Amino acid sequence: MKLLISKPFNLIAFNIVWFGCVIGRNDLIWLCAPLILGYATLLVCQKEVKFNQIAFPVCIGISIDSILTALGIFQFEETMLLVPLWLVFLWIAFSTTLCHSLLFIGRNKLAVVTTGAIALPLNYTIGERLGAVVFDGSYVMTIIAMSVTWAICLPLLFYFAESPMVKENETI
C-alpha cells in the first residue's frame, strides 16, 4: 500500500495515464477511467489528499479547456461536449499530483509560473502531435495563449489544491 500512495508512484502513474488518455483517447477510456477513479479514491481513503483537493482543480482545468475549445483555440474530433471524456479523466489524474508528487513545484512561485508557461503548453503540443487535439489557428498564437493562460492558472490550481478552505471544508 505504501508504494501505491508514494509520491514517485503518483508521478509515474500520472505519466502512464497521460499517455493512455492522449494516445488511446476514447478507445482506452474503459481502461483508464476505472484506474484513475480507483487511484484517486485510494488517495482520498488513505488521507493522502482530500476529495476537494482533487475536485476543485478538476473543475477549474476542465473549465479552462472548455473555454479554450469554445473560443476555437482547441478542436477535439470525438466530442459533442466542450471537452472529451478522456480529457476529464486526465484532469482527475493530474489533480492528484498537485497536492502530492508535484507539491514542491506549487510551493515555489517562480517554479509554478514557469512550469505553467512552459510545461503545460508543451503537454498540449505533444497531444497535438499525437492527434489528440487540433490547434485551430496560428500555431504560435496558440502556444502564446496557452503559455499566458497556464502561467496564470497553474498557480491557481495549486492554490486551490492546498488552500486551507478546500482542505478543511470536506464535502465527502
N, C-alpha and C. Protein backbone atom coordinates (compact mmCIF):
# COMPACT_ATOMS: atom_id res chain seq x y z
N MET A 1 0.82 -1.19 0.00
CA MET A 1 0.00 0.00 0.00
C MET A 1 0.87 1.26 0.00
N LYS A 2 1.98 1.23 0.75
CA LYS A 2 2.85 2.41 0.81
C LYS A 2 3.35 2.81 -0.57
N LEU A 3 3.67 1.82 -1.39
CA LEU A 3 4.14 2.11 -2.75
C LEU A 3 3.08 2.84 -3.55
N LEU A 4 1.83 2.38 -3.47
CA LEU A 4 0.75 2.97 -4.26
C LEU A 4 0.46 4.41 -3.90
N ILE A 5 0.72 4.79 -2.66
CA ILE A 5 0.43 6.17 -2.26
C ILE A 5 1.70 7.03 -2.20
N SER A 6 2.82 6.47 -2.65
CA SER A 6 4.08 7.23 -2.63
C SER A 6 4.08 8.30 -3.72
N LYS A 7 4.86 9.33 -3.51
CA LYS A 7 4.96 10.42 -4.49
C LYS A 7 5.58 9.96 -5.81
N PRO A 8 6.63 9.14 -5.79
CA PRO A 8 7.16 8.65 -7.08
C PRO A 8 6.12 7.84 -7.87
N PHE A 9 5.38 6.99 -7.17
CA PHE A 9 4.35 6.21 -7.86
C PHE A 9 3.29 7.13 -8.44
N ASN A 10 2.90 8.15 -7.69
CA ASN A 10 1.91 9.12 -8.15
C ASN A 10 2.34 9.78 -9.45
N LEU A 11 3.59 10.19 -9.52
CA LEU A 11 4.09 10.84 -10.72
C LEU A 11 4.19 9.87 -11.89
N ILE A 12 4.68 8.67 -11.64
CA ILE A 12 4.79 7.66 -12.70
C ILE A 12 3.40 7.27 -13.19
N ALA A 13 2.48 7.06 -12.25
CA ALA A 13 1.11 6.69 -12.63
C ALA A 13 0.47 7.78 -13.48
N PHE A 14 0.67 9.04 -13.11
CA PHE A 14 0.10 10.12 -13.91
C PHE A 14 0.65 10.09 -15.34
N ASN A 15 1.94 9.89 -15.49
CA ASN A 15 2.52 9.87 -16.83
C ASN A 15 2.01 8.70 -17.67
N ILE A 16 1.82 7.56 -17.05
CA ILE A 16 1.25 6.41 -17.76
C ILE A 16 -0.19 6.73 -18.19
N VAL A 17 -0.95 7.30 -17.27
CA VAL A 17 -2.33 7.69 -17.57
C VAL A 17 -2.36 8.75 -18.67
N TRP A 18 -1.44 9.70 -18.62
CA TRP A 18 -1.38 10.74 -19.64
C TRP A 18 -1.25 10.10 -21.03
N PHE A 19 -0.30 9.19 -21.17
CA PHE A 19 -0.13 8.52 -22.46
C PHE A 19 -1.35 7.68 -22.82
N GLY A 20 -1.93 6.98 -21.86
CA GLY A 20 -3.12 6.19 -22.14
C GLY A 20 -4.28 7.04 -22.61
N CYS A 21 -4.49 8.18 -21.96
CA CYS A 21 -5.59 9.08 -22.33
C CYS A 21 -5.32 9.78 -23.66
N VAL A 22 -4.10 10.26 -23.85
CA VAL A 22 -3.79 11.04 -25.05
C VAL A 22 -3.66 10.15 -26.29
N ILE A 23 -3.00 9.02 -26.15
CA ILE A 23 -2.84 8.13 -27.30
C ILE A 23 -4.10 7.30 -27.52
N GLY A 24 -4.66 6.75 -26.43
CA GLY A 24 -5.83 5.88 -26.56
C GLY A 24 -7.14 6.62 -26.67
N ARG A 25 -7.18 7.81 -26.09
CA ARG A 25 -8.39 8.63 -26.05
C ARG A 25 -9.61 7.77 -25.69
N ASN A 26 -10.68 7.87 -26.46
CA ASN A 26 -11.90 7.14 -26.13
C ASN A 26 -11.76 5.64 -26.31
N ASP A 27 -10.77 5.19 -27.08
CA ASP A 27 -10.56 3.75 -27.26
C ASP A 27 -10.07 3.08 -25.98
N LEU A 28 -9.37 3.81 -25.13
CA LEU A 28 -8.84 3.24 -23.88
C LEU A 28 -9.54 3.79 -22.64
N ILE A 29 -10.62 4.54 -22.82
CA ILE A 29 -11.30 5.13 -21.67
C ILE A 29 -11.81 4.04 -20.72
N TRP A 30 -12.20 2.91 -21.27
CA TRP A 30 -12.70 1.80 -20.45
C TRP A 30 -11.62 1.28 -19.49
N LEU A 31 -10.36 1.45 -19.86
CA LEU A 31 -9.25 1.02 -19.01
C LEU A 31 -8.78 2.16 -18.10
N CYS A 32 -8.62 3.34 -18.68
CA CYS A 32 -8.08 4.48 -17.93
C CYS A 32 -9.03 4.99 -16.86
N ALA A 33 -10.32 5.10 -17.18
CA ALA A 33 -11.28 5.69 -16.23
C ALA A 33 -11.34 4.95 -14.90
N PRO A 34 -11.52 3.62 -14.91
CA PRO A 34 -11.56 2.93 -13.61
C PRO A 34 -10.24 3.01 -12.84
N LEU A 35 -9.12 2.98 -13.56
CA LEU A 35 -7.82 3.09 -12.89
C LEU A 35 -7.67 4.46 -12.24
N ILE A 36 -8.04 5.50 -12.96
CA ILE A 36 -7.93 6.86 -12.43
C ILE A 36 -8.85 7.05 -11.23
N LEU A 37 -10.11 6.65 -11.38
CA LEU A 37 -11.05 6.81 -10.27
C LEU A 37 -10.66 5.96 -9.07
N GLY A 38 -10.20 4.75 -9.33
CA GLY A 38 -9.75 3.89 -8.24
C GLY A 38 -8.55 4.46 -7.51
N TYR A 39 -7.60 4.99 -8.27
CA TYR A 39 -6.40 5.56 -7.66
C TYR A 39 -6.74 6.82 -6.87
N ALA A 40 -7.57 7.69 -7.43
CA ALA A 40 -7.97 8.91 -6.71
C ALA A 40 -8.72 8.54 -5.43
N THR A 41 -9.58 7.55 -5.51
CA THR A 41 -10.31 7.09 -4.32
C THR A 41 -9.35 6.53 -3.27
N LEU A 42 -8.36 5.77 -3.71
CA LEU A 42 -7.35 5.24 -2.79
C LEU A 42 -6.63 6.38 -2.06
N LEU A 43 -6.21 7.40 -2.81
CA LEU A 43 -5.52 8.53 -2.18
C LEU A 43 -6.40 9.24 -1.17
N VAL A 44 -7.69 9.38 -1.49
CA VAL A 44 -8.62 10.03 -0.56
C VAL A 44 -8.83 9.15 0.67
N CYS A 45 -9.07 7.86 0.46
CA CYS A 45 -9.31 6.94 1.58
C CYS A 45 -8.10 6.81 2.49
N GLN A 46 -6.92 6.89 1.92
CA GLN A 46 -5.68 6.81 2.72
C GLN A 46 -5.30 8.17 3.31
N LYS A 47 -6.15 9.16 3.09
CA LYS A 47 -5.95 10.51 3.62
C LYS A 47 -4.67 11.19 3.12
N GLU A 48 -4.25 10.80 1.92
CA GLU A 48 -3.12 11.46 1.28
C GLU A 48 -3.59 12.78 0.67
N VAL A 49 -4.81 12.80 0.17
CA VAL A 49 -5.44 14.00 -0.37
C VAL A 49 -6.90 13.99 0.06
N LYS A 50 -7.53 15.14 -0.02
CA LYS A 50 -8.96 15.23 0.25
C LYS A 50 -9.69 15.36 -1.07
N PHE A 51 -10.94 14.95 -1.04
CA PHE A 51 -11.75 14.98 -2.26
C PHE A 51 -11.73 16.36 -2.91
N ASN A 52 -11.92 17.41 -2.12
CA ASN A 52 -11.96 18.77 -2.67
C ASN A 52 -10.63 19.19 -3.28
N GLN A 53 -9.53 18.63 -2.79
CA GLN A 53 -8.21 18.95 -3.35
C GLN A 53 -8.08 18.41 -4.77
N ILE A 54 -8.87 17.43 -5.10
CA ILE A 54 -8.91 16.92 -6.48
C ILE A 54 -10.02 17.62 -7.25
N ALA A 55 -11.20 17.74 -6.63
CA ALA A 55 -12.38 18.26 -7.33
C ALA A 55 -12.23 19.71 -7.79
N PHE A 56 -11.72 20.57 -6.94
CA PHE A 56 -11.60 21.99 -7.32
C PHE A 56 -10.69 22.17 -8.54
N PRO A 57 -9.46 21.64 -8.52
CA PRO A 57 -8.61 21.78 -9.71
C PRO A 57 -9.19 21.11 -10.96
N VAL A 58 -9.89 19.99 -10.79
CA VAL A 58 -10.53 19.34 -11.95
C VAL A 58 -11.54 20.29 -12.58
N CYS A 59 -12.38 20.89 -11.77
CA CYS A 59 -13.40 21.82 -12.30
C CYS A 59 -12.76 23.02 -12.99
N ILE A 60 -11.71 23.55 -12.39
CA ILE A 60 -11.02 24.70 -12.99
C ILE A 60 -10.36 24.29 -14.30
N GLY A 61 -9.64 23.18 -14.30
CA GLY A 61 -8.95 22.73 -15.52
C GLY A 61 -9.90 22.43 -16.65
N ILE A 62 -11.00 21.74 -16.35
CA ILE A 62 -11.99 21.44 -17.38
C ILE A 62 -12.63 22.73 -17.89
N SER A 63 -12.88 23.67 -16.99
CA SER A 63 -13.45 24.96 -17.40
C SER A 63 -12.52 25.70 -18.34
N ILE A 64 -11.24 25.72 -18.01
CA ILE A 64 -10.26 26.41 -18.87
C ILE A 64 -10.19 25.75 -20.24
N ASP A 65 -10.09 24.43 -20.26
CA ASP A 65 -10.04 23.73 -21.54
C ASP A 65 -11.34 23.92 -22.33
N SER A 66 -12.47 23.97 -21.63
CA SER A 66 -13.75 24.20 -22.30
C SER A 66 -13.81 25.60 -22.91
N ILE A 67 -13.30 26.58 -22.18
CA ILE A 67 -13.27 27.95 -22.71
C ILE A 67 -12.37 28.02 -23.93
N LEU A 68 -11.18 27.41 -23.85
CA LEU A 68 -10.27 27.41 -25.00
C LEU A 68 -10.88 26.69 -26.20
N THR A 69 -11.67 25.66 -25.93
CA THR A 69 -12.36 24.94 -27.00
C THR A 69 -13.49 25.80 -27.58
N ALA A 70 -14.27 26.42 -26.70
CA ALA A 70 -15.37 27.28 -27.16
C ALA A 70 -14.86 28.47 -27.97
N LEU A 71 -13.68 28.96 -27.62
CA LEU A 71 -13.07 30.07 -28.36
C LEU A 71 -12.46 29.62 -29.69
N GLY A 72 -12.44 28.32 -29.92
CA GLY A 72 -11.90 27.80 -31.17
C GLY A 72 -10.40 27.61 -31.17
N ILE A 73 -9.78 27.72 -30.01
CA ILE A 73 -8.33 27.52 -29.93
C ILE A 73 -8.01 26.03 -30.03
N PHE A 74 -8.86 25.20 -29.40
CA PHE A 74 -8.73 23.75 -29.48
C PHE A 74 -9.90 23.18 -30.26
N GLN A 75 -9.64 22.04 -30.91
CA GLN A 75 -10.71 21.24 -31.50
C GLN A 75 -10.45 19.79 -31.15
N PHE A 76 -11.51 19.11 -30.72
CA PHE A 76 -11.43 17.69 -30.44
C PHE A 76 -12.40 16.99 -31.38
N GLU A 77 -11.92 16.00 -32.11
CA GLU A 77 -12.76 15.37 -33.13
C GLU A 77 -13.85 14.49 -32.55
N GLU A 78 -13.64 13.93 -31.39
CA GLU A 78 -14.55 12.90 -30.91
C GLU A 78 -15.57 13.37 -29.89
N THR A 79 -15.83 14.65 -29.82
CA THR A 79 -16.73 15.11 -28.77
C THR A 79 -17.81 16.04 -29.29
N MET A 80 -18.96 15.93 -28.67
CA MET A 80 -20.02 16.90 -28.91
C MET A 80 -20.09 17.87 -27.73
N LEU A 81 -19.40 17.51 -26.66
CA LEU A 81 -19.30 18.39 -25.50
C LEU A 81 -18.14 19.33 -25.73
N LEU A 82 -17.86 20.16 -24.76
CA LEU A 82 -16.75 21.09 -24.93
C LEU A 82 -15.40 20.39 -24.85
N VAL A 83 -15.29 19.38 -23.99
CA VAL A 83 -14.05 18.60 -23.94
C VAL A 83 -14.43 17.12 -23.93
N PRO A 84 -13.57 16.28 -24.48
CA PRO A 84 -13.88 14.85 -24.49
C PRO A 84 -13.75 14.21 -23.10
N LEU A 85 -14.40 13.09 -22.93
CA LEU A 85 -14.40 12.40 -21.65
C LEU A 85 -12.99 12.01 -21.20
N TRP A 86 -12.15 11.59 -22.15
CA TRP A 86 -10.79 11.20 -21.77
C TRP A 86 -10.02 12.37 -21.15
N LEU A 87 -10.33 13.60 -21.57
CA LEU A 87 -9.66 14.77 -21.01
C LEU A 87 -10.14 15.05 -19.59
N VAL A 88 -11.40 14.77 -19.32
CA VAL A 88 -11.92 14.90 -17.95
C VAL A 88 -11.15 13.97 -17.02
N PHE A 89 -10.96 12.73 -17.45
CA PHE A 89 -10.22 11.78 -16.61
C PHE A 89 -8.75 12.15 -16.50
N LEU A 90 -8.20 12.73 -17.53
CA LEU A 90 -6.82 13.21 -17.46
C LEU A 90 -6.70 14.32 -16.42
N TRP A 91 -7.70 15.19 -16.35
CA TRP A 91 -7.69 16.24 -15.34
C TRP A 91 -7.80 15.67 -13.92
N ILE A 92 -8.57 14.61 -13.76
CA ILE A 92 -8.65 13.97 -12.44
C ILE A 92 -7.27 13.44 -12.06
N ALA A 93 -6.62 12.76 -12.99
CA ALA A 93 -5.28 12.20 -12.72
C ALA A 93 -4.28 13.32 -12.40
N PHE A 94 -4.30 14.39 -13.19
CA PHE A 94 -3.37 15.50 -12.95
C PHE A 94 -3.62 16.14 -11.58
N SER A 95 -4.88 16.26 -11.21
CA SER A 95 -5.20 16.89 -9.93
C SER A 95 -4.67 16.10 -8.74
N THR A 96 -4.50 14.78 -8.90
CA THR A 96 -3.92 14.01 -7.79
C THR A 96 -2.45 14.36 -7.57
N THR A 97 -1.79 14.90 -8.58
CA THR A 97 -0.37 15.24 -8.44
C THR A 97 -0.15 16.60 -7.78
N LEU A 98 -1.14 17.48 -7.84
CA LEU A 98 -0.95 18.85 -7.36
C LEU A 98 -0.65 18.92 -5.87
N CYS A 99 -1.30 18.11 -5.09
CA CYS A 99 -1.06 18.14 -3.64
C CYS A 99 -0.31 16.89 -3.19
N HIS A 100 0.34 16.26 -4.14
CA HIS A 100 1.08 15.04 -3.79
C HIS A 100 2.48 15.11 -4.43
N SER A 101 2.66 14.51 -5.59
CA SER A 101 4.02 14.41 -6.16
C SER A 101 4.56 15.72 -6.72
N LEU A 102 3.69 16.63 -7.14
CA LEU A 102 4.17 17.90 -7.70
C LEU A 102 4.03 19.07 -6.73
N LEU A 103 3.73 18.78 -5.49
CA LEU A 103 3.53 19.84 -4.50
C LEU A 103 4.73 20.76 -4.36
N PHE A 104 5.93 20.21 -4.52
CA PHE A 104 7.15 21.02 -4.39
C PHE A 104 7.17 22.14 -5.43
N ILE A 105 6.59 21.93 -6.59
CA ILE A 105 6.52 22.98 -7.62
C ILE A 105 5.56 24.07 -7.17
N GLY A 106 4.42 23.67 -6.65
CA GLY A 106 3.41 24.63 -6.23
C GLY A 106 3.83 25.52 -5.08
N ARG A 107 4.82 25.11 -4.34
CA ARG A 107 5.28 25.91 -3.20
C ARG A 107 6.34 26.93 -3.57
N ASN A 108 6.74 26.96 -4.83
CA ASN A 108 7.73 27.91 -5.31
C ASN A 108 7.09 28.75 -6.42
N LYS A 109 6.84 30.02 -6.15
CA LYS A 109 6.09 30.87 -7.09
C LYS A 109 6.73 30.93 -8.47
N LEU A 110 8.03 31.10 -8.52
CA LEU A 110 8.71 31.16 -9.81
C LEU A 110 8.60 29.83 -10.55
N ALA A 111 8.77 28.74 -9.82
CA ALA A 111 8.69 27.41 -10.44
C ALA A 111 7.30 27.12 -10.99
N VAL A 112 6.27 27.50 -10.26
CA VAL A 112 4.91 27.18 -10.71
C VAL A 112 4.52 28.04 -11.92
N VAL A 113 4.91 29.30 -11.94
CA VAL A 113 4.61 30.16 -13.10
C VAL A 113 5.38 29.68 -14.32
N THR A 114 6.65 29.35 -14.13
CA THR A 114 7.48 28.86 -15.24
C THR A 114 6.95 27.53 -15.76
N THR A 115 6.59 26.63 -14.85
CA THR A 115 6.02 25.34 -15.25
C THR A 115 4.73 25.55 -16.03
N GLY A 116 3.89 26.45 -15.55
CA GLY A 116 2.64 26.75 -16.26
C GLY A 116 2.89 27.30 -17.65
N ALA A 117 3.88 28.18 -17.78
CA ALA A 117 4.16 28.83 -19.07
C ALA A 117 4.84 27.89 -20.06
N ILE A 118 5.57 26.90 -19.56
CA ILE A 118 6.35 26.03 -20.46
C ILE A 118 5.81 24.60 -20.52
N ALA A 119 5.69 23.95 -19.36
CA ALA A 119 5.37 22.52 -19.35
C ALA A 119 3.95 22.22 -19.81
N LEU A 120 2.97 23.01 -19.38
CA LEU A 120 1.61 22.71 -19.80
C LEU A 120 1.40 22.92 -21.29
N PRO A 121 1.86 24.04 -21.87
CA PRO A 121 1.75 24.16 -23.33
C PRO A 121 2.51 23.05 -24.06
N LEU A 122 3.63 22.62 -23.50
CA LEU A 122 4.38 21.52 -24.10
C LEU A 122 3.55 20.24 -24.11
N ASN A 123 2.84 19.97 -23.03
CA ASN A 123 1.97 18.79 -22.98
C ASN A 123 0.88 18.86 -24.04
N TYR A 124 0.26 20.02 -24.19
CA TYR A 124 -0.77 20.18 -25.21
C TYR A 124 -0.17 20.03 -26.61
N THR A 125 1.04 20.55 -26.80
CA THR A 125 1.71 20.44 -28.09
C THR A 125 2.01 18.98 -28.42
N ILE A 126 2.47 18.22 -27.44
CA ILE A 126 2.70 16.79 -27.66
C ILE A 126 1.38 16.11 -27.98
N GLY A 127 0.33 16.46 -27.25
CA GLY A 127 -1.00 15.93 -27.54
C GLY A 127 -1.46 16.26 -28.95
N GLU A 128 -1.13 17.47 -29.39
CA GLU A 128 -1.49 17.87 -30.77
C GLU A 128 -0.72 17.04 -31.78
N ARG A 129 0.54 16.81 -31.52
CA ARG A 129 1.36 16.00 -32.43
C ARG A 129 0.88 14.55 -32.48
N LEU A 130 0.30 14.08 -31.38
CA LEU A 130 -0.21 12.71 -31.32
C LEU A 130 -1.66 12.60 -31.81
N GLY A 131 -2.23 13.72 -32.24
CA GLY A 131 -3.56 13.72 -32.83
C GLY A 131 -4.71 13.81 -31.84
N ALA A 132 -4.43 14.11 -30.58
CA ALA A 132 -5.49 14.18 -29.58
C ALA A 132 -6.27 15.49 -29.64
N VAL A 133 -5.63 16.54 -30.12
CA VAL A 133 -6.24 17.86 -30.19
C VAL A 133 -5.73 18.55 -31.46
N VAL A 134 -6.55 19.43 -31.98
CA VAL A 134 -6.15 20.23 -33.14
C VAL A 134 -6.11 21.69 -32.69
N PHE A 135 -5.02 22.36 -32.99
CA PHE A 135 -4.93 23.79 -32.73
C PHE A 135 -5.54 24.49 -33.94
N ASP A 136 -6.64 25.19 -33.70
CA ASP A 136 -7.41 25.73 -34.81
C ASP A 136 -7.10 27.21 -35.05
N GLY A 137 -5.86 27.50 -35.29
CA GLY A 137 -5.46 28.88 -35.54
C GLY A 137 -3.97 28.92 -35.71
N SER A 138 -3.43 30.09 -35.59
CA SER A 138 -1.98 30.26 -35.67
C SER A 138 -1.32 29.43 -34.57
N TYR A 139 -0.39 28.60 -34.98
CA TYR A 139 0.31 27.73 -34.03
C TYR A 139 1.03 28.55 -32.97
N VAL A 140 1.73 29.58 -33.40
CA VAL A 140 2.49 30.42 -32.47
C VAL A 140 1.54 31.13 -31.50
N MET A 141 0.45 31.67 -32.01
CA MET A 141 -0.50 32.38 -31.14
C MET A 141 -1.17 31.42 -30.15
N THR A 142 -1.41 30.19 -30.59
CA THR A 142 -1.99 29.19 -29.69
C THR A 142 -1.03 28.89 -28.54
N ILE A 143 0.25 28.71 -28.86
CA ILE A 143 1.25 28.44 -27.83
C ILE A 143 1.36 29.63 -26.87
N ILE A 144 1.37 30.84 -27.42
CA ILE A 144 1.45 32.04 -26.57
C ILE A 144 0.22 32.13 -25.67
N ALA A 145 -0.96 31.90 -26.24
CA ALA A 145 -2.20 31.95 -25.44
C ALA A 145 -2.18 30.92 -24.32
N MET A 146 -1.71 29.72 -24.63
CA MET A 146 -1.62 28.68 -23.59
C MET A 146 -0.58 29.04 -22.54
N SER A 147 0.54 29.58 -22.97
CA SER A 147 1.59 29.95 -22.02
C SER A 147 1.10 31.01 -21.03
N VAL A 148 0.43 32.02 -21.54
CA VAL A 148 -0.10 33.07 -20.67
C VAL A 148 -1.19 32.50 -19.76
N THR A 149 -2.10 31.73 -20.35
CA THR A 149 -3.20 31.14 -19.59
C THR A 149 -2.69 30.29 -18.44
N TRP A 150 -1.75 29.39 -18.74
CA TRP A 150 -1.29 28.46 -17.71
C TRP A 150 -0.28 29.07 -16.75
N ALA A 151 0.43 30.13 -17.16
CA ALA A 151 1.30 30.84 -16.22
C ALA A 151 0.45 31.50 -15.13
N ILE A 152 -0.76 31.88 -15.48
CA ILE A 152 -1.68 32.49 -14.52
C ILE A 152 -2.48 31.42 -13.77
N CYS A 153 -2.95 30.41 -14.50
CA CYS A 153 -3.90 29.46 -13.92
C CYS A 153 -3.27 28.30 -13.15
N LEU A 154 -2.07 27.86 -13.51
CA LEU A 154 -1.47 26.77 -12.74
C LEU A 154 -1.24 27.17 -11.28
N PRO A 155 -0.77 28.38 -11.00
CA PRO A 155 -0.69 28.77 -9.58
C PRO A 155 -2.05 28.71 -8.88
N LEU A 156 -3.12 29.04 -9.60
CA LEU A 156 -4.47 28.94 -9.01
C LEU A 156 -4.83 27.50 -8.70
N LEU A 157 -4.46 26.58 -9.60
CA LEU A 157 -4.74 25.17 -9.34
C LEU A 157 -4.03 24.70 -8.08
N PHE A 158 -2.75 25.07 -7.95
CA PHE A 158 -2.01 24.70 -6.74
C PHE A 158 -2.61 25.37 -5.51
N TYR A 159 -3.03 26.62 -5.65
CA TYR A 159 -3.64 27.32 -4.53
C TYR A 159 -4.88 26.57 -4.05
N PHE A 160 -5.75 26.20 -4.99
CA PHE A 160 -6.97 25.51 -4.60
C PHE A 160 -6.69 24.11 -4.07
N ALA A 161 -5.66 23.48 -4.57
CA ALA A 161 -5.30 22.14 -4.07
C ALA A 161 -4.77 22.20 -2.64
N GLU A 162 -4.14 23.32 -2.28
CA GLU A 162 -3.53 23.44 -0.95
C GLU A 162 -4.24 24.43 -0.03
N SER A 163 -5.28 25.07 -0.50
CA SER A 163 -5.98 26.07 0.29
C SER A 163 -6.57 25.47 1.57
N PRO A 164 -6.36 26.12 2.71
CA PRO A 164 -6.98 25.63 3.95
C PRO A 164 -8.49 25.54 3.82
N MET A 165 -9.09 26.47 3.07
CA MET A 165 -10.53 26.44 2.86
C MET A 165 -10.95 25.12 2.21
N VAL A 166 -10.20 24.69 1.21
CA VAL A 166 -10.51 23.45 0.50
C VAL A 166 -10.23 22.25 1.39
N LYS A 167 -9.11 22.28 2.09
CA LYS A 167 -8.72 21.14 2.92
C LYS A 167 -9.63 20.96 4.13
N GLU A 168 -10.16 22.05 4.68
CA GLU A 168 -10.99 21.97 5.88
C GLU A 168 -12.46 21.72 5.58
N ASN A 169 -12.95 22.18 4.45
CA ASN A 169 -14.36 22.05 4.11
C ASN A 169 -14.59 20.83 3.23
N GLU A 170 -14.39 19.69 3.79
CA GLU A 170 -14.54 18.43 3.06
C GLU A 170 -16.02 18.16 2.81
N THR A 171 -16.38 17.83 1.57
CA THR A 171 -17.77 17.55 1.25
C THR A 171 -18.09 16.07 1.30
N ILE A 172 -17.07 15.24 1.26
CA ILE A 172 -17.33 13.79 1.29
C ILE A 172 -16.61 13.20 2.48
